[in-house]
N, C-alpha and C. Protein backbone atom coordinates (compact mmCIF):
# COMPACT_ATOMS: atom_id res chain seq x y z
N MET A 1 -3.05 -20.78 -8.64
CA MET A 1 -3.97 -19.68 -8.41
C MET A 1 -3.17 -18.42 -8.04
N ARG A 2 -3.58 -17.31 -8.62
CA ARG A 2 -2.88 -16.05 -8.38
C ARG A 2 -3.11 -15.57 -6.95
N ARG A 3 -2.06 -15.05 -6.35
CA ARG A 3 -2.15 -14.51 -4.98
C ARG A 3 -2.72 -13.09 -5.01
N THR A 4 -3.43 -12.74 -3.97
CA THR A 4 -3.95 -11.39 -3.80
C THR A 4 -2.81 -10.47 -3.40
N MET A 5 -2.73 -9.34 -4.07
CA MET A 5 -1.68 -8.36 -3.81
C MET A 5 -2.31 -7.11 -3.21
N VAL A 6 -1.83 -6.73 -2.03
CA VAL A 6 -2.32 -5.52 -1.36
C VAL A 6 -1.17 -4.53 -1.28
N GLY A 7 -1.35 -3.39 -1.92
CA GLY A 7 -0.34 -2.35 -1.89
C GLY A 7 -0.48 -1.51 -0.63
N VAL A 8 0.64 -1.26 0.01
CA VAL A 8 0.65 -0.37 1.17
C VAL A 8 1.52 0.83 0.80
N MET A 9 0.89 1.99 0.76
CA MET A 9 1.58 3.22 0.37
C MET A 9 1.60 4.16 1.57
N GLY A 10 2.63 4.97 1.63
CA GLY A 10 2.73 5.92 2.73
C GLY A 10 4.09 6.58 2.75
N GLY A 11 4.24 7.53 3.62
CA GLY A 11 5.42 8.37 3.66
C GLY A 11 6.70 7.71 4.12
N CYS A 12 7.80 8.26 3.62
CA CYS A 12 9.14 7.86 4.07
C CYS A 12 9.36 8.31 5.51
N SER A 13 8.80 9.46 5.82
CA SER A 13 8.84 9.97 7.18
C SER A 13 7.46 9.73 7.78
N ALA A 14 7.45 9.17 8.97
CA ALA A 14 6.15 8.86 9.60
C ALA A 14 6.25 9.02 11.10
N ASP A 15 5.16 9.53 11.69
CA ASP A 15 5.13 9.65 13.13
C ASP A 15 4.88 8.27 13.76
N GLU A 16 4.98 8.24 15.07
CA GLU A 16 4.87 6.98 15.82
C GLU A 16 3.53 6.28 15.57
N GLN A 17 2.45 7.03 15.54
CA GLN A 17 1.12 6.45 15.33
C GLN A 17 1.01 5.83 13.93
N THR A 18 1.55 6.51 12.93
CA THR A 18 1.49 6.00 11.56
C THR A 18 2.34 4.75 11.41
N VAL A 19 3.52 4.75 12.01
CA VAL A 19 4.39 3.57 11.97
C VAL A 19 3.70 2.38 12.64
N ALA A 20 3.09 2.62 13.79
CA ALA A 20 2.40 1.53 14.50
C ALA A 20 1.25 0.98 13.65
N GLY A 21 0.50 1.85 13.00
CA GLY A 21 -0.59 1.41 12.14
C GLY A 21 -0.09 0.60 10.95
N ALA A 22 1.02 1.05 10.34
CA ALA A 22 1.60 0.33 9.19
C ALA A 22 2.15 -1.03 9.61
N LEU A 23 2.76 -1.10 10.77
CA LEU A 23 3.28 -2.37 11.29
C LEU A 23 2.14 -3.37 11.48
N GLU A 24 1.06 -2.92 12.12
CA GLU A 24 -0.11 -3.77 12.34
C GLU A 24 -0.77 -4.15 11.01
N LEU A 25 -0.84 -3.22 10.08
CA LEU A 25 -1.41 -3.49 8.77
C LEU A 25 -0.62 -4.58 8.05
N GLY A 26 0.70 -4.47 8.07
CA GLY A 26 1.53 -5.50 7.44
C GLY A 26 1.29 -6.87 8.05
N ARG A 27 1.18 -6.92 9.37
CA ARG A 27 0.93 -8.19 10.06
C ARG A 27 -0.41 -8.78 9.61
N LEU A 28 -1.43 -7.96 9.56
CA LEU A 28 -2.76 -8.44 9.19
C LEU A 28 -2.83 -8.87 7.72
N ILE A 29 -2.11 -8.18 6.87
CA ILE A 29 -2.05 -8.58 5.45
C ILE A 29 -1.45 -9.98 5.36
N ALA A 30 -0.36 -10.21 6.06
CA ALA A 30 0.28 -11.53 6.04
C ALA A 30 -0.63 -12.60 6.62
N GLU A 31 -1.31 -12.30 7.71
CA GLU A 31 -2.19 -13.28 8.35
C GLU A 31 -3.35 -13.67 7.45
N ASN A 32 -3.71 -12.80 6.51
CA ASN A 32 -4.77 -13.12 5.56
C ASN A 32 -4.24 -13.86 4.33
N GLY A 33 -2.93 -14.08 4.27
CA GLY A 33 -2.34 -14.79 3.15
C GLY A 33 -2.15 -13.93 1.92
N TRP A 34 -2.25 -12.62 2.06
CA TRP A 34 -2.08 -11.72 0.94
C TRP A 34 -0.60 -11.32 0.81
N VAL A 35 -0.19 -10.93 -0.37
CA VAL A 35 1.16 -10.44 -0.63
C VAL A 35 1.17 -8.94 -0.40
N LEU A 36 2.15 -8.44 0.33
CA LEU A 36 2.29 -7.01 0.57
C LEU A 36 3.21 -6.41 -0.50
N VAL A 37 2.73 -5.37 -1.17
CA VAL A 37 3.51 -4.63 -2.16
C VAL A 37 3.77 -3.25 -1.61
N SER A 38 5.02 -2.80 -1.67
CA SER A 38 5.33 -1.45 -1.18
C SER A 38 6.41 -0.82 -2.05
N GLY A 39 6.70 0.44 -1.75
CA GLY A 39 7.77 1.14 -2.43
C GLY A 39 9.14 0.67 -2.00
N GLY A 40 9.20 -0.13 -0.95
CA GLY A 40 10.42 -0.83 -0.58
C GLY A 40 11.53 -0.03 0.06
N ARG A 41 11.27 1.18 0.48
CA ARG A 41 12.33 1.95 1.13
C ARG A 41 12.50 1.52 2.59
N PRO A 42 13.69 1.71 3.14
CA PRO A 42 13.96 1.26 4.51
C PRO A 42 13.55 2.28 5.58
N THR A 43 12.50 3.03 5.33
CA THR A 43 12.06 4.06 6.27
C THR A 43 10.54 4.13 6.32
N GLY A 44 10.01 4.77 7.34
CA GLY A 44 8.61 5.12 7.44
C GLY A 44 7.63 3.98 7.26
N VAL A 45 6.55 4.27 6.56
CA VAL A 45 5.47 3.32 6.34
C VAL A 45 5.96 2.08 5.61
N MET A 46 6.84 2.26 4.65
CA MET A 46 7.32 1.12 3.86
C MET A 46 8.03 0.10 4.74
N GLN A 47 9.00 0.55 5.53
CA GLN A 47 9.73 -0.39 6.39
C GLN A 47 8.80 -0.99 7.44
N ALA A 48 7.95 -0.19 8.02
CA ALA A 48 7.06 -0.68 9.08
C ALA A 48 6.12 -1.76 8.55
N SER A 49 5.51 -1.54 7.39
CA SER A 49 4.57 -2.53 6.86
C SER A 49 5.29 -3.82 6.47
N VAL A 50 6.47 -3.69 5.89
CA VAL A 50 7.26 -4.87 5.53
C VAL A 50 7.64 -5.65 6.79
N THR A 51 8.07 -4.95 7.82
CA THR A 51 8.45 -5.60 9.08
C THR A 51 7.26 -6.36 9.66
N GLY A 52 6.09 -5.73 9.69
CA GLY A 52 4.90 -6.39 10.22
C GLY A 52 4.55 -7.65 9.44
N ALA A 53 4.61 -7.57 8.12
CA ALA A 53 4.30 -8.73 7.29
C ALA A 53 5.32 -9.85 7.47
N ARG A 54 6.59 -9.51 7.51
CA ARG A 54 7.64 -10.52 7.67
C ARG A 54 7.54 -11.21 9.02
N GLU A 55 7.27 -10.45 10.07
CA GLU A 55 7.15 -11.03 11.41
C GLU A 55 5.99 -12.02 11.47
N ALA A 56 4.99 -11.84 10.61
CA ALA A 56 3.84 -12.74 10.57
C ALA A 56 3.98 -13.81 9.48
N GLY A 57 5.16 -13.90 8.87
CA GLY A 57 5.43 -14.94 7.89
C GLY A 57 4.90 -14.66 6.50
N GLY A 58 4.63 -13.39 6.19
CA GLY A 58 4.06 -13.04 4.89
C GLY A 58 5.11 -12.85 3.81
N LEU A 59 4.63 -12.77 2.58
CA LEU A 59 5.47 -12.52 1.41
C LEU A 59 5.43 -11.03 1.11
N THR A 60 6.61 -10.42 0.91
CA THR A 60 6.71 -8.98 0.69
C THR A 60 7.45 -8.66 -0.60
N VAL A 61 6.96 -7.64 -1.29
CA VAL A 61 7.56 -7.19 -2.55
C VAL A 61 7.82 -5.69 -2.44
N GLY A 62 9.00 -5.27 -2.84
CA GLY A 62 9.34 -3.85 -2.86
C GLY A 62 9.70 -3.41 -4.27
N VAL A 63 8.98 -2.42 -4.78
CA VAL A 63 9.25 -1.85 -6.10
C VAL A 63 9.99 -0.55 -5.85
N LEU A 64 11.29 -0.58 -6.08
CA LEU A 64 12.17 0.51 -5.66
C LEU A 64 12.17 1.71 -6.61
N TYR A 65 12.37 2.86 -6.03
CA TYR A 65 12.46 4.15 -6.69
C TYR A 65 13.68 4.20 -7.60
N ASP A 66 14.77 3.62 -7.13
CA ASP A 66 16.02 3.71 -7.88
C ASP A 66 16.50 2.33 -8.30
N GLU A 67 17.75 2.26 -8.71
CA GLU A 67 18.28 0.98 -9.19
C GLU A 67 19.17 0.29 -8.17
N ASP A 68 19.27 0.85 -6.97
CA ASP A 68 20.15 0.30 -5.93
C ASP A 68 19.40 -0.71 -5.07
N ARG A 69 19.59 -1.96 -5.35
CA ARG A 69 18.97 -3.07 -4.61
C ARG A 69 19.36 -3.03 -3.13
N ASP A 70 20.55 -2.50 -2.83
CA ASP A 70 21.01 -2.44 -1.44
C ASP A 70 20.28 -1.39 -0.61
N GLY A 71 19.52 -0.52 -1.26
CA GLY A 71 18.78 0.51 -0.55
C GLY A 71 17.36 0.08 -0.20
N ALA A 72 17.10 -1.22 -0.25
CA ALA A 72 15.75 -1.74 0.00
C ALA A 72 15.49 -1.93 1.49
N ALA A 73 14.22 -1.94 1.84
CA ALA A 73 13.80 -2.20 3.22
C ALA A 73 14.26 -3.59 3.64
N GLU A 74 14.62 -3.69 4.90
CA GLU A 74 15.00 -4.98 5.46
C GLU A 74 13.78 -5.88 5.55
N GLY A 75 13.93 -7.12 5.12
CA GLY A 75 12.84 -8.08 5.21
C GLY A 75 12.07 -8.28 3.92
N LEU A 76 12.41 -7.57 2.87
CA LEU A 76 11.72 -7.78 1.60
C LEU A 76 12.11 -9.13 1.01
N ASP A 77 11.14 -9.86 0.52
CA ASP A 77 11.41 -11.14 -0.14
C ASP A 77 11.79 -10.92 -1.60
N ILE A 78 11.07 -10.02 -2.24
CA ILE A 78 11.31 -9.74 -3.66
C ILE A 78 11.60 -8.25 -3.79
N VAL A 79 12.76 -7.93 -4.37
CA VAL A 79 13.18 -6.55 -4.56
C VAL A 79 13.23 -6.28 -6.05
N ILE A 80 12.50 -5.26 -6.49
CA ILE A 80 12.46 -4.90 -7.90
C ILE A 80 13.01 -3.49 -8.06
N PRO A 81 14.31 -3.36 -8.38
CA PRO A 81 14.88 -2.04 -8.60
C PRO A 81 14.44 -1.53 -9.97
N THR A 82 13.88 -0.32 -10.04
CA THR A 82 13.36 0.17 -11.32
C THR A 82 14.22 1.25 -11.95
N GLY A 83 14.88 2.08 -11.16
CA GLY A 83 15.59 3.22 -11.72
C GLY A 83 14.63 4.23 -12.36
N MET A 84 13.34 4.13 -12.02
CA MET A 84 12.32 4.95 -12.66
C MET A 84 11.90 6.16 -11.82
N GLY A 85 12.46 6.31 -10.63
CA GLY A 85 12.02 7.40 -9.77
C GLY A 85 10.55 7.22 -9.41
N ALA A 86 9.85 8.34 -9.31
CA ALA A 86 8.44 8.30 -8.91
C ALA A 86 7.56 7.61 -9.94
N ALA A 87 8.05 7.40 -11.15
CA ALA A 87 7.27 6.68 -12.16
C ALA A 87 7.00 5.25 -11.71
N ARG A 88 7.77 4.75 -10.77
CA ARG A 88 7.55 3.40 -10.27
C ARG A 88 6.22 3.29 -9.52
N ASN A 89 5.63 4.42 -9.16
CA ASN A 89 4.36 4.41 -8.44
C ASN A 89 3.28 3.69 -9.24
N ILE A 90 3.32 3.80 -10.56
CA ILE A 90 2.32 3.13 -11.39
C ILE A 90 2.48 1.61 -11.29
N ILE A 91 3.69 1.13 -11.15
CA ILE A 91 3.92 -0.31 -10.99
C ILE A 91 3.34 -0.77 -9.66
N ASN A 92 3.59 -0.02 -8.60
CA ASN A 92 3.02 -0.36 -7.29
C ASN A 92 1.51 -0.47 -7.37
N VAL A 93 0.89 0.50 -8.00
CA VAL A 93 -0.56 0.57 -8.07
C VAL A 93 -1.13 -0.55 -8.95
N LEU A 94 -0.61 -0.71 -10.14
CA LEU A 94 -1.16 -1.71 -11.06
C LEU A 94 -0.88 -3.14 -10.60
N SER A 95 0.12 -3.32 -9.76
CA SER A 95 0.41 -4.64 -9.20
C SER A 95 -0.54 -5.01 -8.07
N SER A 96 -1.23 -4.04 -7.53
CA SER A 96 -2.07 -4.23 -6.35
C SER A 96 -3.53 -4.44 -6.74
N ASP A 97 -4.18 -5.37 -6.05
CA ASP A 97 -5.63 -5.54 -6.22
C ASP A 97 -6.37 -4.44 -5.48
N VAL A 98 -5.88 -4.10 -4.31
CA VAL A 98 -6.42 -3.02 -3.48
C VAL A 98 -5.22 -2.27 -2.90
N VAL A 99 -5.35 -0.97 -2.76
CA VAL A 99 -4.30 -0.14 -2.19
C VAL A 99 -4.76 0.38 -0.83
N VAL A 100 -3.88 0.28 0.16
CA VAL A 100 -4.12 0.91 1.46
C VAL A 100 -3.10 2.03 1.59
N ALA A 101 -3.58 3.22 1.80
CA ALA A 101 -2.69 4.38 1.92
C ALA A 101 -2.68 4.87 3.36
N CYS A 102 -1.47 4.93 3.91
CA CYS A 102 -1.24 5.52 5.22
C CYS A 102 -0.84 6.98 5.00
N ARG A 103 -0.66 7.71 6.06
CA ARG A 103 -0.28 9.12 5.93
C ARG A 103 0.99 9.27 5.10
N GLY A 104 0.97 10.27 4.25
CA GLY A 104 2.13 10.54 3.41
C GLY A 104 1.99 11.91 2.77
N THR A 105 2.86 12.19 1.83
CA THR A 105 2.84 13.49 1.16
C THR A 105 2.65 13.29 -0.34
N GLY A 106 3.42 13.99 -1.15
CA GLY A 106 3.22 13.99 -2.60
C GLY A 106 3.25 12.63 -3.26
N GLY A 107 4.23 11.80 -2.90
CA GLY A 107 4.32 10.47 -3.51
C GLY A 107 3.11 9.61 -3.18
N THR A 108 2.68 9.66 -1.93
CA THR A 108 1.51 8.90 -1.51
C THR A 108 0.27 9.41 -2.21
N LEU A 109 0.13 10.72 -2.31
CA LEU A 109 -1.02 11.29 -3.01
C LEU A 109 -1.04 10.88 -4.47
N SER A 110 0.13 10.81 -5.10
CA SER A 110 0.17 10.38 -6.50
C SER A 110 -0.26 8.93 -6.63
N GLU A 111 0.14 8.09 -5.67
CA GLU A 111 -0.27 6.68 -5.71
C GLU A 111 -1.77 6.53 -5.51
N ILE A 112 -2.34 7.33 -4.63
CA ILE A 112 -3.79 7.30 -4.42
C ILE A 112 -4.50 7.70 -5.72
N ALA A 113 -4.06 8.80 -6.32
CA ALA A 113 -4.69 9.28 -7.55
C ALA A 113 -4.58 8.25 -8.67
N LEU A 114 -3.41 7.64 -8.81
CA LEU A 114 -3.22 6.61 -9.84
C LEU A 114 -4.12 5.40 -9.57
N ALA A 115 -4.18 4.98 -8.32
CA ALA A 115 -5.01 3.83 -7.98
C ALA A 115 -6.46 4.10 -8.35
N LEU A 116 -6.98 5.24 -7.97
CA LEU A 116 -8.37 5.56 -8.27
C LEU A 116 -8.58 5.71 -9.78
N ARG A 117 -7.63 6.32 -10.45
CA ARG A 117 -7.72 6.51 -11.91
C ARG A 117 -7.78 5.17 -12.65
N PHE A 118 -7.04 4.17 -12.15
CA PHE A 118 -6.98 2.88 -12.81
C PHE A 118 -7.88 1.83 -12.16
N GLY A 119 -8.83 2.29 -11.38
CA GLY A 119 -9.87 1.40 -10.87
C GLY A 119 -9.49 0.52 -9.70
N ARG A 120 -8.41 0.86 -9.01
CA ARG A 120 -8.05 0.10 -7.82
C ARG A 120 -8.74 0.73 -6.61
N PRO A 121 -9.46 -0.06 -5.83
CA PRO A 121 -10.05 0.49 -4.61
C PRO A 121 -8.95 0.96 -3.66
N VAL A 122 -9.23 2.01 -2.92
CA VAL A 122 -8.27 2.58 -1.99
C VAL A 122 -8.90 2.67 -0.60
N VAL A 123 -8.18 2.15 0.38
CA VAL A 123 -8.55 2.31 1.78
C VAL A 123 -7.54 3.28 2.39
N LEU A 124 -8.03 4.31 3.02
CA LEU A 124 -7.17 5.34 3.62
C LEU A 124 -7.10 5.09 5.12
N LEU A 125 -5.94 4.67 5.60
CA LEU A 125 -5.74 4.34 7.01
C LEU A 125 -5.30 5.58 7.79
N ASP A 126 -6.21 6.10 8.60
CA ASP A 126 -5.92 7.26 9.43
C ASP A 126 -5.34 8.41 8.60
N PHE A 127 -5.89 8.60 7.41
CA PHE A 127 -5.37 9.59 6.46
C PHE A 127 -6.52 10.01 5.55
N ASP A 128 -6.82 11.29 5.53
CA ASP A 128 -7.92 11.78 4.72
C ASP A 128 -7.45 12.97 3.89
N PRO A 129 -7.12 12.74 2.61
CA PRO A 129 -6.68 13.85 1.77
C PRO A 129 -7.83 14.72 1.27
N GLY A 130 -9.06 14.37 1.60
CA GLY A 130 -10.21 15.19 1.24
C GLY A 130 -11.04 14.62 0.11
N GLU A 131 -12.34 14.75 0.27
CA GLU A 131 -13.27 14.19 -0.72
C GLU A 131 -13.10 14.81 -2.10
N ALA A 132 -12.81 16.10 -2.16
CA ALA A 132 -12.65 16.76 -3.46
C ALA A 132 -11.51 16.10 -4.25
N PHE A 133 -10.39 15.85 -3.60
CA PHE A 133 -9.26 15.19 -4.25
C PHE A 133 -9.63 13.77 -4.67
N LEU A 134 -10.21 13.02 -3.76
CA LEU A 134 -10.53 11.62 -4.01
C LEU A 134 -11.57 11.45 -5.11
N SER A 135 -12.57 12.29 -5.12
CA SER A 135 -13.63 12.18 -6.12
C SER A 135 -13.18 12.69 -7.48
N ALA A 136 -12.22 13.58 -7.53
CA ALA A 136 -11.74 14.11 -8.80
C ALA A 136 -10.90 13.10 -9.57
N ALA A 137 -10.36 12.10 -8.91
CA ALA A 137 -9.47 11.13 -9.56
C ALA A 137 -10.18 10.33 -10.63
N ALA A 138 -11.43 9.97 -10.39
CA ALA A 138 -12.20 9.18 -11.36
C ALA A 138 -13.67 9.23 -10.96
N ALA A 139 -14.54 9.21 -11.94
CA ALA A 139 -15.97 9.29 -11.68
C ALA A 139 -16.47 8.12 -10.85
N ASP A 140 -15.90 6.95 -11.07
CA ASP A 140 -16.35 5.75 -10.37
C ASP A 140 -15.36 5.30 -9.30
N ALA A 141 -14.62 6.24 -8.76
CA ALA A 141 -13.58 5.92 -7.76
C ALA A 141 -14.20 5.23 -6.54
N ARG A 142 -13.51 4.17 -6.07
CA ARG A 142 -13.93 3.46 -4.86
C ARG A 142 -12.89 3.70 -3.79
N TRP A 143 -13.31 4.36 -2.73
CA TRP A 143 -12.39 4.64 -1.62
C TRP A 143 -13.18 4.67 -0.33
N SER A 144 -12.45 4.42 0.76
CA SER A 144 -13.07 4.46 2.08
C SER A 144 -12.03 4.85 3.11
N LEU A 145 -12.53 5.34 4.24
CA LEU A 145 -11.66 5.75 5.34
C LEU A 145 -11.70 4.69 6.43
N ALA A 146 -10.55 4.43 7.03
CA ALA A 146 -10.44 3.47 8.14
C ALA A 146 -9.64 4.11 9.26
N ALA A 147 -10.09 3.92 10.48
CA ALA A 147 -9.40 4.50 11.64
C ALA A 147 -8.28 3.59 12.15
N THR A 148 -8.42 2.28 11.93
CA THR A 148 -7.44 1.32 12.45
C THR A 148 -7.03 0.34 11.35
N ALA A 149 -5.92 -0.34 11.58
CA ALA A 149 -5.47 -1.35 10.63
C ALA A 149 -6.50 -2.47 10.49
N ALA A 150 -7.10 -2.88 11.59
CA ALA A 150 -8.11 -3.95 11.53
C ALA A 150 -9.30 -3.51 10.68
N GLU A 151 -9.72 -2.28 10.85
CA GLU A 151 -10.82 -1.75 10.04
C GLU A 151 -10.42 -1.69 8.57
N ALA A 152 -9.20 -1.28 8.30
CA ALA A 152 -8.70 -1.21 6.91
C ALA A 152 -8.74 -2.59 6.26
N VAL A 153 -8.32 -3.62 6.99
CA VAL A 153 -8.30 -4.98 6.44
C VAL A 153 -9.72 -5.47 6.18
N GLU A 154 -10.65 -5.13 7.04
CA GLU A 154 -12.06 -5.50 6.79
C GLU A 154 -12.55 -4.84 5.50
N GLN A 155 -12.16 -3.60 5.28
CA GLN A 155 -12.56 -2.91 4.06
C GLN A 155 -11.89 -3.52 2.84
N VAL A 156 -10.63 -3.92 2.97
CA VAL A 156 -9.95 -4.61 1.88
C VAL A 156 -10.72 -5.88 1.53
N ARG A 157 -11.10 -6.65 2.54
CA ARG A 157 -11.89 -7.87 2.31
C ARG A 157 -13.16 -7.57 1.51
N GLY A 158 -13.84 -6.52 1.90
CA GLY A 158 -15.07 -6.12 1.19
C GLY A 158 -14.80 -5.79 -0.27
N TYR A 159 -13.75 -5.03 -0.52
CA TYR A 159 -13.40 -4.69 -1.92
C TYR A 159 -13.02 -5.95 -2.70
N LEU A 160 -12.29 -6.86 -2.08
CA LEU A 160 -11.90 -8.09 -2.77
C LEU A 160 -13.13 -8.92 -3.15
N LYS A 161 -14.13 -8.96 -2.29
CA LYS A 161 -15.38 -9.66 -2.61
C LYS A 161 -16.07 -9.00 -3.79
N GLU A 162 -16.08 -7.67 -3.82
CA GLU A 162 -16.67 -6.95 -4.95
C GLU A 162 -15.93 -7.29 -6.24
N LEU A 163 -14.59 -7.32 -6.17
CA LEU A 163 -13.78 -7.60 -7.36
C LEU A 163 -14.03 -9.01 -7.89
N GLU A 164 -14.28 -9.95 -6.99
CA GLU A 164 -14.58 -11.34 -7.42
C GLU A 164 -15.84 -11.39 -8.27
N LYS A 165 -16.80 -10.53 -7.98
CA LYS A 165 -18.07 -10.52 -8.69
C LYS A 165 -17.98 -9.86 -10.07
N GLU A 166 -16.95 -9.05 -10.26
CA GLU A 166 -16.82 -8.31 -11.54
C GLU A 166 -16.34 -9.21 -12.66
């Protein structure tokens, strides 16, 4: 049976609150038996979510920006060096059943837009890029806002139930 893949997207640079949320999110993803997919960098949201998942015994996958496997976040189980730059964002998104986006900038916004464009539900954890942006990505875009990692995981569960019915 195929494992559920939850993408965690977010900035390379992150404040303390965002890092704490990503760490807790990674832990909760692992506790639910889901696979965590990230951009795999050793900083910010990516490292924090991977650390949280690994500490809880979860499986982690990093789809890297470049071709240097040694530049991956510590604790990744599977490292996929792409050498594709930001084009790797589409791999992150299409590999994920649901995407959770933490605070970030251009790269994170591109992942959100791609996820919505390709029909992946998006949960925004303590991050609101605005309804105009989110609604413009696709007519049938599914997205929601979450204040905490626990709330985000509950929303992921809801989206996964919807996807089972499709």
